[in-house]
């Protein structure tokens, strides 16, 4: 963000501009590994 605001025009991939932070409440006994995988691969 600072680089762009300085007037530069860098080539930025999606992952180079943002990150996504998820906080999840799961059902008791749910497969947490599966849920995390489904989120990250959506």
ModelCIF file with pLDDT and N, C-alpha, C, O atoms, coordinates in Angstrom:
data_MODEL
#
_entry.id   MODEL 
#
_entity.id                         1 
_entity.type                       polymer 
_entity.pdbx_number_of_molecules   1 
#
_entity_poly.entity_id                      1 
_entity_poly.type                           'polypeptide(L)' 
_entity_poly.nstd_linkage                   no 
_entity_poly.nstd_monomer                   no 
_entity_poly.pdbx_seq_one_letter_code       
;(UNK)(UNK)(UNK)(UNK)(UNK)(UNK)(UNK)(UNK)(UNK)(UNK)(UNK)(UNK)(UNK)(UNK)(UNK)(UNK)
(UNK)(UNK)(UNK)(UNK)(UNK)(UNK)(UNK)(UNK)(UNK)(UNK)(UNK)(UNK)(UNK)(UNK)(UNK)(UNK)
(UNK)(UNK)(UNK)(UNK)(UNK)(UNK)(UNK)(UNK)(UNK)(UNK)
;
_entity_poly.pdbx_seq_one_letter_code_can   XXXXXXXXXXXXXXXXXXXXXXXXXXXXXXXXXXXXXXXXXX 
_entity_poly.pdbx_strand_id                 A 
#
loop_
_entity_poly_seq.entity_id 
_entity_poly_seq.num 
_entity_poly_seq.mon_id 
_entity_poly_seq.hetero 
1 1  UNK n 
1 2  UNK n 
1 3  UNK n 
1 4  UNK n 
1 5  UNK n 
1 6  UNK n 
1 7  UNK n 
1 8  UNK n 
1 9  UNK n 
1 10 UNK n 
1 11 UNK n 
1 12 UNK n 
1 13 UNK n 
1 14 UNK n 
1 15 UNK n 
1 16 UNK n 
1 17 UNK n 
1 18 UNK n 
1 19 UNK n 
1 20 UNK n 
1 21 UNK n 
1 22 UNK n 
1 23 UNK n 
1 24 UNK n 
1 25 UNK n 
1 26 UNK n 
1 27 UNK n 
1 28 UNK n 
1 29 UNK n 
1 30 UNK n 
1 31 UNK n 
1 32 UNK n 
1 33 UNK n 
1 34 UNK n 
1 35 UNK n 
1 36 UNK n 
1 37 UNK n 
1 38 UNK n 
1 39 UNK n 
1 40 UNK n 
1 41 UNK n 
1 42 UNK n 
#
_struct_asym.id          A 
_struct_asym.entity_id   1 
#
loop_
_ma_qa_metric.id 
_ma_qa_metric.mode 
_ma_qa_metric.name 
_ma_qa_metric.software_group_id 
_ma_qa_metric.type 
1 global pLDDT . pLDDT 
2 local  pLDDT . pLDDT 
#
_ma_qa_metric_global.metric_id      1 
_ma_qa_metric_global.metric_value   95.90 
_ma_qa_metric_global.model_id       1 
_ma_qa_metric_global.ordinal_id     1 
#
loop_
_ma_qa_metric_local.label_asym_id 
_ma_qa_metric_local.label_comp_id 
_ma_qa_metric_local.label_seq_id 
_ma_qa_metric_local.metric_id 
_ma_qa_metric_local.metric_value 
_ma_qa_metric_local.model_id 
_ma_qa_metric_local.ordinal_id 
A UNK 1  2 97.00 1 1  
A UNK 2  2 97.00 1 2  
A UNK 3  2 97.00 1 3  
A UNK 4  2 97.00 1 4  
A UNK 5  2 97.00 1 5  
A UNK 6  2 95.00 1 6  
A UNK 7  2 95.00 1 7  
A UNK 8  2 94.00 1 8  
A UNK 9  2 94.00 1 9  
A UNK 10 2 96.00 1 10 
A UNK 11 2 95.00 1 11 
A UNK 12 2 95.00 1 12 
A UNK 13 2 89.00 1 13 
A UNK 14 2 83.00 1 14 
A UNK 15 2 87.00 1 15 
A UNK 16 2 94.00 1 16 
A UNK 17 2 95.00 1 17 
A UNK 18 2 94.00 1 18 
A UNK 19 2 95.00 1 19 
A UNK 20 2 96.00 1 20 
A UNK 21 2 97.00 1 21 
A UNK 22 2 98.00 1 22 
A UNK 23 2 98.00 1 23 
A UNK 24 2 98.00 1 24 
A UNK 25 2 98.00 1 25 
A UNK 26 2 98.00 1 26 
A UNK 27 2 97.00 1 27 
A UNK 28 2 96.00 1 28 
A UNK 29 2 97.00 1 29 
A UNK 30 2 97.00 1 30 
A UNK 31 2 98.00 1 31 
A UNK 32 2 98.00 1 32 
A UNK 33 2 98.00 1 33 
A UNK 34 2 98.00 1 34 
A UNK 35 2 98.00 1 35 
A UNK 36 2 98.00 1 36 
A UNK 37 2 98.00 1 37 
A UNK 38 2 98.00 1 38 
A UNK 39 2 98.00 1 39 
A UNK 40 2 97.00 1 40 
A UNK 41 2 97.00 1 41 
A UNK 42 2 96.00 1 42 
#
loop_
_atom_site.group_PDB 
_atom_site.id 
_atom_site.type_symbol 
_atom_site.label_atom_id 
_atom_site.label_alt_id 
_atom_site.label_comp_id 
_atom_site.label_asym_id 
_atom_site.label_entity_id 
_atom_site.label_seq_id 
_atom_site.pdbx_PDB_ins_code 
_atom_site.Cartn_x 
_atom_site.Cartn_y 
_atom_site.Cartn_z 
_atom_site.occupancy 
_atom_site.B_iso_or_equiv 
_atom_site.pdbx_formal_charge 
_atom_site.auth_seq_id 
_atom_site.auth_comp_id 
_atom_site.auth_asym_id 
_atom_site.auth_atom_id 
_atom_site.pdbx_PDB_model_num 
ATOM 1   N N  . UNK A 1 1  ? 0.829   -1.204  0.000   1.00 97.00 ? 1  UNK A N  1 
ATOM 2   C CA . UNK A 1 1  ? 0.000   0.000   0.000   1.00 97.00 ? 1  UNK A CA 1 
ATOM 3   C C  . UNK A 1 1  ? 0.865   1.256   0.000   1.00 97.00 ? 1  UNK A C  1 
ATOM 4   O O  . UNK A 1 1  ? 0.578   2.208   -0.727  1.00 97.00 ? 1  UNK A O  1 
ATOM 5   N N  . UNK A 1 2  ? 1.911   1.263   0.804   1.00 97.00 ? 2  UNK A N  1 
ATOM 6   C CA . UNK A 1 2  ? 2.804   2.427   0.873   1.00 97.00 ? 2  UNK A CA 1 
ATOM 7   C C  . UNK A 1 2  ? 3.518   2.655   -0.454  1.00 97.00 ? 2  UNK A C  1 
ATOM 8   O O  . UNK A 1 2  ? 3.699   3.797   -0.875  1.00 97.00 ? 2  UNK A O  1 
ATOM 9   N N  . UNK A 1 3  ? 3.923   1.577   -1.110  1.00 97.00 ? 3  UNK A N  1 
ATOM 10  C CA . UNK A 1 3  ? 4.621   1.698   -2.392  1.00 97.00 ? 3  UNK A CA 1 
ATOM 11  C C  . UNK A 1 3  ? 3.711   2.319   -3.441  1.00 97.00 ? 3  UNK A C  1 
ATOM 12  O O  . UNK A 1 3  ? 4.147   3.181   -4.205  1.00 97.00 ? 3  UNK A O  1 
ATOM 13  N N  . UNK A 1 4  ? 2.445   1.890   -3.489  1.00 97.00 ? 4  UNK A N  1 
ATOM 14  C CA . UNK A 1 4  ? 1.502   2.430   -4.464  1.00 97.00 ? 4  UNK A CA 1 
ATOM 15  C C  . UNK A 1 4  ? 1.199   3.891   -4.164  1.00 97.00 ? 4  UNK A C  1 
ATOM 16  O O  . UNK A 1 4  ? 1.145   4.712   -5.080  1.00 97.00 ? 4  UNK A O  1 
ATOM 17  N N  . UNK A 1 5  ? 1.001   4.225   -2.897  1.00 97.00 ? 5  UNK A N  1 
ATOM 18  C CA . UNK A 1 5  ? 0.697   5.617   -2.529  1.00 97.00 ? 5  UNK A CA 1 
ATOM 19  C C  . UNK A 1 5  ? 1.861   6.561   -2.829  1.00 97.00 ? 5  UNK A C  1 
ATOM 20  O O  . UNK A 1 5  ? 1.662   7.768   -2.969  1.00 97.00 ? 5  UNK A O  1 
ATOM 21  N N  . UNK A 1 6  ? 3.066   6.018   -2.927  1.00 95.00 ? 6  UNK A N  1 
ATOM 22  C CA . UNK A 1 6  ? 4.227   6.858   -3.238  1.00 95.00 ? 6  UNK A CA 1 
ATOM 23  C C  . UNK A 1 6  ? 4.279   7.242   -4.714  1.00 95.00 ? 6  UNK A C  1 
ATOM 24  O O  . UNK A 1 6  ? 5.142   8.021   -5.119  1.00 95.00 ? 6  UNK A O  1 
ATOM 25  N N  . UNK A 1 7  ? 3.365   6.704   -5.520  1.00 95.00 ? 7  UNK A N  1 
ATOM 26  C CA . UNK A 1 7  ? 3.328   7.020   -6.941  1.00 95.00 ? 7  UNK A CA 1 
ATOM 27  C C  . UNK A 1 7  ? 3.908   5.948   -7.827  1.00 95.00 ? 7  UNK A C  1 
ATOM 28  O O  . UNK A 1 7  ? 3.863   6.062   -9.052  1.00 95.00 ? 7  UNK A O  1 
ATOM 29  N N  . UNK A 1 8  ? 4.454   4.902   -7.226  1.00 94.00 ? 8  UNK A N  1 
ATOM 30  C CA . UNK A 1 8  ? 4.996   3.799   -8.022  1.00 94.00 ? 8  UNK A CA 1 
ATOM 31  C C  . UNK A 1 8  ? 3.873   2.911   -8.527  1.00 94.00 ? 8  UNK A C  1 
ATOM 32  O O  . UNK A 1 8  ? 2.771   2.913   -7.977  1.00 94.00 ? 8  UNK A O  1 
ATOM 33  N N  . UNK A 1 9  ? 4.156   2.155   -9.572  1.00 94.00 ? 9  UNK A N  1 
ATOM 34  C CA . UNK A 1 9  ? 3.156   1.260   -10.158 1.00 94.00 ? 9  UNK A CA 1 
ATOM 35  C C  . UNK A 1 9  ? 3.709   -0.168  -10.242 1.00 94.00 ? 9  UNK A C  1 
ATOM 36  O O  . UNK A 1 9  ? 3.961   -0.675  -11.335 1.00 94.00 ? 9  UNK A O  1 
ATOM 37  N N  . UNK A 1 10 ? 3.893   -0.804  -9.101  1.00 96.00 ? 10 UNK A N  1 
ATOM 38  C CA . UNK A 1 10 ? 4.454   -2.158  -9.104  1.00 96.00 ? 10 UNK A CA 1 
ATOM 39  C C  . UNK A 1 10 ? 3.458   -3.184  -9.624  1.00 96.00 ? 10 UNK A C  1 
ATOM 40  O O  . UNK A 1 10 ? 2.248   -2.976  -9.539  1.00 96.00 ? 10 UNK A O  1 
ATOM 41  N N  . UNK A 1 11 ? 3.956   -4.280  -10.155 1.00 95.00 ? 11 UNK A N  1 
ATOM 42  C CA . UNK A 1 11 ? 3.108   -5.409  -10.538 1.00 95.00 ? 11 UNK A CA 1 
ATOM 43  C C  . UNK A 1 11 ? 2.901   -6.259  -9.290  1.00 95.00 ? 11 UNK A C  1 
ATOM 44  O O  . UNK A 1 11 ? 3.831   -6.905  -8.807  1.00 95.00 ? 11 UNK A O  1 
ATOM 45  N N  . UNK A 1 12 ? 1.677   -6.255  -8.773  1.00 95.00 ? 12 UNK A N  1 
ATOM 46  C CA . UNK A 1 12 ? 1.384   -6.957  -7.524  1.00 95.00 ? 12 UNK A CA 1 
ATOM 47  C C  . UNK A 1 12 ? 0.376   -8.068  -7.763  1.00 95.00 ? 12 UNK A C  1 
ATOM 48  O O  . UNK A 1 12 ? -0.676  -7.848  -8.363  1.00 95.00 ? 12 UNK A O  1 
ATOM 49  N N  . UNK A 1 13 ? 0.705   -9.255  -7.292  1.00 89.00 ? 13 UNK A N  1 
ATOM 50  C CA . UNK A 1 13 ? -0.254  -10.353 -7.365  1.00 89.00 ? 13 UNK A CA 1 
ATOM 51  C C  . UNK A 1 13 ? -1.304  -10.168 -6.277  1.00 89.00 ? 13 UNK A C  1 
ATOM 52  O O  . UNK A 1 13 ? -1.153  -9.330  -5.388  1.00 89.00 ? 13 UNK A O  1 
ATOM 53  N N  . UNK A 1 14 ? -2.363  -10.956 -6.357  1.00 83.00 ? 14 UNK A N  1 
ATOM 54  C CA . UNK A 1 14 ? -3.421  -10.892 -5.342  1.00 83.00 ? 14 UNK A CA 1 
ATOM 55  C C  . UNK A 1 14 ? -2.851  -11.097 -3.949  1.00 83.00 ? 14 UNK A C  1 
ATOM 56  O O  . UNK A 1 14 ? -3.172  -10.356 -3.020  1.00 83.00 ? 14 UNK A O  1 
ATOM 57  N N  . UNK A 1 15 ? -2.011  -12.098 -3.812  1.00 87.00 ? 15 UNK A N  1 
ATOM 58  C CA . UNK A 1 15 ? -1.451  -12.424 -2.498  1.00 87.00 ? 15 UNK A CA 1 
ATOM 59  C C  . UNK A 1 15 ? -0.473  -11.376 -1.994  1.00 87.00 ? 15 UNK A C  1 
ATOM 60  O O  . UNK A 1 15 ? -0.215  -11.301 -0.793  1.00 87.00 ? 15 UNK A O  1 
ATOM 61  N N  . UNK A 1 16 ? 0.080   -10.558 -2.902  1.00 94.00 ? 16 UNK A N  1 
ATOM 62  C CA . UNK A 1 16 ? 1.025   -9.521  -2.496  1.00 94.00 ? 16 UNK A CA 1 
ATOM 63  C C  . UNK A 1 16 ? 0.327   -8.259  -2.015  1.00 94.00 ? 16 UNK A C  1 
ATOM 64  O O  . UNK A 1 16 ? 0.971   -7.372  -1.454  1.00 94.00 ? 16 UNK A O  1 
ATOM 65  N N  . UNK A 1 17 ? -0.988  -8.167  -2.228  1.00 95.00 ? 17 UNK A N  1 
ATOM 66  C CA . UNK A 1 17 ? -1.743  -6.978  -1.798  1.00 95.00 ? 17 UNK A CA 1 
ATOM 67  C C  . UNK A 1 17 ? -2.520  -7.204  -0.500  1.00 95.00 ? 17 UNK A C  1 
ATOM 68  O O  . UNK A 1 17 ? -2.691  -6.280  0.295   1.00 95.00 ? 17 UNK A O  1 
ATOM 69  N N  . UNK A 1 18 ? -2.993  -8.444  -0.290  1.00 94.00 ? 18 UNK A N  1 
ATOM 70  C CA . UNK A 1 18 ? -3.840  -8.713  0.881   1.00 94.00 ? 18 UNK A CA 1 
ATOM 71  C C  . UNK A 1 18 ? -3.551  -10.093 1.458   1.00 94.00 ? 18 UNK A C  1 
ATOM 72  O O  . UNK A 1 18 ? -3.034  -10.991 0.793   1.00 94.00 ? 18 UNK A O  1 
ATOM 73  N N  . UNK A 1 19 ? -3.911  -10.210 2.723   1.00 95.00 ? 19 UNK A N  1 
ATOM 74  C CA . UNK A 1 19 ? -4.018  -11.526 3.330   1.00 95.00 ? 19 UNK A CA 1 
ATOM 75  C C  . UNK A 1 19 ? -5.399  -11.624 3.974   1.00 95.00 ? 19 UNK A C  1 
ATOM 76  O O  . UNK A 1 19 ? -6.035  -10.612 4.269   1.00 95.00 ? 19 UNK A O  1 
ATOM 77  N N  . UNK A 1 20 ? -5.849  -12.856 4.184   1.00 96.00 ? 20 UNK A N  1 
ATOM 78  C CA . UNK A 1 20 ? -7.178  -13.074 4.759   1.00 96.00 ? 20 UNK A CA 1 
ATOM 79  C C  . UNK A 1 20 ? -7.022  -13.837 6.076   1.00 96.00 ? 20 UNK A C  1 
ATOM 80  O O  . UNK A 1 20 ? -6.358  -14.871 6.148   1.00 96.00 ? 20 UNK A O  1 
ATOM 81  N N  . UNK A 1 21 ? -7.655  -13.292 7.107   1.00 97.00 ? 21 UNK A N  1 
ATOM 82  C CA . UNK A 1 21 ? -7.537  -13.848 8.449   1.00 97.00 ? 21 UNK A CA 1 
ATOM 83  C C  . UNK A 1 21 ? -8.936  -14.291 8.887   1.00 97.00 ? 21 UNK A C  1 
ATOM 84  O O  . UNK A 1 21 ? -9.858  -13.478 8.957   1.00 97.00 ? 21 UNK A O  1 
ATOM 85  N N  . UNK A 1 22 ? -9.083  -15.577 9.180   1.00 98.00 ? 22 UNK A N  1 
ATOM 86  C CA . UNK A 1 22 ? -10.393 -16.154 9.482   1.00 98.00 ? 22 UNK A CA 1 
ATOM 87  C C  . UNK A 1 22 ? -10.452 -16.641 10.923  1.00 98.00 ? 22 UNK A C  1 
ATOM 88  O O  . UNK A 1 22 ? -9.550  -17.335 11.393  1.00 98.00 ? 22 UNK A O  1 
ATOM 89  N N  . UNK A 1 23 ? -11.517 -16.273 11.615  1.00 98.00 ? 23 UNK A N  1 
ATOM 90  C CA . UNK A 1 23 ? -11.795 -16.772 12.955  1.00 98.00 ? 23 UNK A CA 1 
ATOM 91  C C  . UNK A 1 23 ? -13.089 -17.577 12.873  1.00 98.00 ? 23 UNK A C  1 
ATOM 92  O O  . UNK A 1 23 ? -14.135 -17.059 12.483  1.00 98.00 ? 23 UNK A O  1 
ATOM 93  N N  . UNK A 1 24 ? -12.998 -18.858 13.249  1.00 98.00 ? 24 UNK A N  1 
ATOM 94  C CA . UNK A 1 24 ? -14.083 -19.797 12.983  1.00 98.00 ? 24 UNK A CA 1 
ATOM 95  C C  . UNK A 1 24 ? -14.507 -20.515 14.258  1.00 98.00 ? 24 UNK A C  1 
ATOM 96  O O  . UNK A 1 24 ? -13.679 -20.991 15.035  1.00 98.00 ? 24 UNK A O  1 
ATOM 97  N N  . UNK A 1 25 ? -15.831 -20.579 14.447  1.00 98.00 ? 25 UNK A N  1 
ATOM 98  C CA . UNK A 1 25 ? -16.405 -21.389 15.523  1.00 98.00 ? 25 UNK A CA 1 
ATOM 99  C C  . UNK A 1 25 ? -16.955 -22.652 14.874  1.00 98.00 ? 25 UNK A C  1 
ATOM 100 O O  . UNK A 1 25 ? -17.830 -22.583 14.011  1.00 98.00 ? 25 UNK A O  1 
ATOM 101 N N  . UNK A 1 26 ? -16.444 -23.803 15.290  1.00 98.00 ? 26 UNK A N  1 
ATOM 102 C CA . UNK A 1 26 ? -16.869 -25.069 14.699  1.00 98.00 ? 26 UNK A CA 1 
ATOM 103 C C  . UNK A 1 26 ? -17.780 -25.832 15.661  1.00 98.00 ? 26 UNK A C  1 
ATOM 104 O O  . UNK A 1 26 ? -17.733 -25.632 16.875  1.00 98.00 ? 26 UNK A O  1 
ATOM 105 N N  . UNK A 1 27 ? -18.591 -26.692 15.105  1.00 97.00 ? 27 UNK A N  1 
ATOM 106 C CA . UNK A 1 27 ? -19.443 -27.558 15.926  1.00 97.00 ? 27 UNK A CA 1 
ATOM 107 C C  . UNK A 1 27 ? -18.564 -28.527 16.710  1.00 97.00 ? 27 UNK A C  1 
ATOM 108 O O  . UNK A 1 27 ? -17.465 -28.876 16.276  1.00 97.00 ? 27 UNK A O  1 
ATOM 109 N N  . UNK A 1 28 ? -19.054 -28.952 17.854  1.00 96.00 ? 28 UNK A N  1 
ATOM 110 C CA . UNK A 1 28 ? -18.335 -29.954 18.637  1.00 96.00 ? 28 UNK A CA 1 
ATOM 111 C C  . UNK A 1 28 ? -18.136 -31.212 17.798  1.00 96.00 ? 28 UNK A C  1 
ATOM 112 O O  . UNK A 1 28 ? -19.083 -31.737 17.212  1.00 96.00 ? 28 UNK A O  1 
ATOM 113 N N  . UNK A 1 29 ? -16.901 -31.685 17.748  1.00 97.00 ? 29 UNK A N  1 
ATOM 114 C CA . UNK A 1 29 ? -16.616 -32.907 17.011  1.00 97.00 ? 29 UNK A CA 1 
ATOM 115 C C  . UNK A 1 29 ? -16.411 -32.718 15.525  1.00 97.00 ? 29 UNK A C  1 
ATOM 116 O O  . UNK A 1 29 ? -16.164 -33.691 14.812  1.00 97.00 ? 29 UNK A O  1 
ATOM 117 N N  . UNK A 1 30 ? -16.508 -31.490 15.037  1.00 97.00 ? 30 UNK A N  1 
ATOM 118 C CA . UNK A 1 30 ? -16.322 -31.253 13.596  1.00 97.00 ? 30 UNK A CA 1 
ATOM 119 C C  . UNK A 1 30 ? -14.878 -31.523 13.190  1.00 97.00 ? 30 UNK A C  1 
ATOM 120 O O  . UNK A 1 30 ? -13.959 -31.434 14.004  1.00 97.00 ? 30 UNK A O  1 
ATOM 121 N N  . UNK A 1 31 ? -14.701 -31.854 11.923  1.00 98.00 ? 31 UNK A N  1 
ATOM 122 C CA . UNK A 1 31 ? -13.376 -32.135 11.367  1.00 98.00 ? 31 UNK A CA 1 
ATOM 123 C C  . UNK A 1 31 ? -12.696 -30.805 11.049  1.00 98.00 ? 31 UNK A C  1 
ATOM 124 O O  . UNK A 1 31 ? -12.942 -30.218 9.996   1.00 98.00 ? 31 UNK A O  1 
ATOM 125 N N  . UNK A 1 32 ? -11.845 -30.330 11.952  1.00 98.00 ? 32 UNK A N  1 
ATOM 126 C CA . UNK A 1 32 ? -11.224 -29.019 11.789  1.00 98.00 ? 32 UNK A CA 1 
ATOM 127 C C  . UNK A 1 32 ? -10.251 -28.978 10.610  1.00 98.00 ? 32 UNK A C  1 
ATOM 128 O O  . UNK A 1 32 ? -10.118 -27.955 9.939   1.00 98.00 ? 32 UNK A O  1 
ATOM 129 N N  . UNK A 1 33 ? -9.585  -30.081 10.372  1.00 98.00 ? 33 UNK A N  1 
ATOM 130 C CA . UNK A 1 33 ? -8.643  -30.143 9.248   1.00 98.00 ? 33 UNK A CA 1 
ATOM 131 C C  . UNK A 1 33 ? -9.392  -29.966 7.931   1.00 98.00 ? 33 UNK A C  1 
ATOM 132 O O  . UNK A 1 33 ? -8.955  -29.225 7.050   1.00 98.00 ? 33 UNK A O  1 
ATOM 133 N N  . UNK A 1 34 ? -10.526 -30.657 7.809   1.00 98.00 ? 34 UNK A N  1 
ATOM 134 C CA . UNK A 1 34 ? -11.335 -30.536 6.585   1.00 98.00 ? 34 UNK A CA 1 
ATOM 135 C C  . UNK A 1 34 ? -11.862 -29.112 6.410   1.00 98.00 ? 34 UNK A C  1 
ATOM 136 O O  . UNK A 1 34 ? -11.815 -28.561 5.310   1.00 98.00 ? 34 UNK A O  1 
ATOM 137 N N  . UNK A 1 35 ? -12.365 -28.514 7.496   1.00 98.00 ? 35 UNK A N  1 
ATOM 138 C CA . UNK A 1 35 ? -12.923 -27.159 7.409   1.00 98.00 ? 35 UNK A CA 1 
ATOM 139 C C  . UNK A 1 35 ? -11.852 -26.166 6.970   1.00 98.00 ? 35 UNK A C  1 
ATOM 140 O O  . UNK A 1 35 ? -12.089 -25.329 6.099   1.00 98.00 ? 35 UNK A O  1 
ATOM 141 N N  . UNK A 1 36 ? -10.665 -26.266 7.583   1.00 98.00 ? 36 UNK A N  1 
ATOM 142 C CA . UNK A 1 36 ? -9.583  -25.347 7.205   1.00 98.00 ? 36 UNK A CA 1 
ATOM 143 C C  . UNK A 1 36 ? -9.190  -25.537 5.742   1.00 98.00 ? 36 UNK A C  1 
ATOM 144 O O  . UNK A 1 36 ? -8.936  -24.563 5.033   1.00 98.00 ? 36 UNK A O  1 
ATOM 145 N N  . UNK A 1 37 ? -9.142  -26.780 5.294   1.00 98.00 ? 37 UNK A N  1 
ATOM 146 C CA . UNK A 1 37 ? -8.786  -27.068 3.899   1.00 98.00 ? 37 UNK A CA 1 
ATOM 147 C C  . UNK A 1 37 ? -9.835  -26.488 2.946   1.00 98.00 ? 37 UNK A C  1 
ATOM 148 O O  . UNK A 1 37 ? -9.486  -25.904 1.921   1.00 98.00 ? 37 UNK A O  1 
ATOM 149 N N  . UNK A 1 38 ? -11.120 -26.648 3.283   1.00 98.00 ? 38 UNK A N  1 
ATOM 150 C CA . UNK A 1 38 ? -12.186 -26.121 2.429   1.00 98.00 ? 38 UNK A CA 1 
ATOM 151 C C  . UNK A 1 38 ? -12.131 -24.606 2.344   1.00 98.00 ? 38 UNK A C  1 
ATOM 152 O O  . UNK A 1 38 ? -12.374 -24.029 1.284   1.00 98.00 ? 38 UNK A O  1 
ATOM 153 N N  . UNK A 1 39 ? -11.813 -23.961 3.459   1.00 98.00 ? 39 UNK A N  1 
ATOM 154 C CA . UNK A 1 39 ? -11.706 -22.497 3.445   1.00 98.00 ? 39 UNK A CA 1 
ATOM 155 C C  . UNK A 1 39 ? -10.551 -22.071 2.540   1.00 98.00 ? 39 UNK A C  1 
ATOM 156 O O  . UNK A 1 39 ? -10.735 -21.249 1.642   1.00 98.00 ? 39 UNK A O  1 
ATOM 157 N N  . UNK A 1 40 ? -9.379  -22.619 2.772   1.00 97.00 ? 40 UNK A N  1 
ATOM 158 C CA . UNK A 1 40 ? -8.193  -22.164 2.047   1.00 97.00 ? 40 UNK A CA 1 
ATOM 159 C C  . UNK A 1 40 ? -8.246  -22.483 0.557   1.00 97.00 ? 40 UNK A C  1 
ATOM 160 O O  . UNK A 1 40 ? -7.580  -21.820 -0.238  1.00 97.00 ? 40 UNK A O  1 
ATOM 161 N N  . UNK A 1 41 ? -9.031  -23.495 0.166   1.00 97.00 ? 41 UNK A N  1 
ATOM 162 C CA . UNK A 1 41 ? -9.099  -23.881 -1.242  1.00 97.00 ? 41 UNK A CA 1 
ATOM 163 C C  . UNK A 1 41 ? -10.349 -23.356 -1.943  1.00 97.00 ? 41 UNK A C  1 
ATOM 164 O O  . UNK A 1 41 ? -10.590 -23.699 -3.100  1.00 97.00 ? 41 UNK A O  1 
ATOM 165 N N  . UNK A 1 42 ? -11.154 -22.526 -1.262  1.00 96.00 ? 42 UNK A N  1 
ATOM 166 C CA . UNK A 1 42 ? -12.397 -22.035 -1.848  1.00 96.00 ? 42 UNK A CA 1 
ATOM 167 C C  . UNK A 1 42 ? -12.100 -21.066 -2.998  1.00 96.00 ? 42 UNK A C  1 
ATOM 168 O O  . UNK A 1 42 ? -13.026 -20.544 -3.620  1.00 96.00 ? 42 UNK A O  1 
#
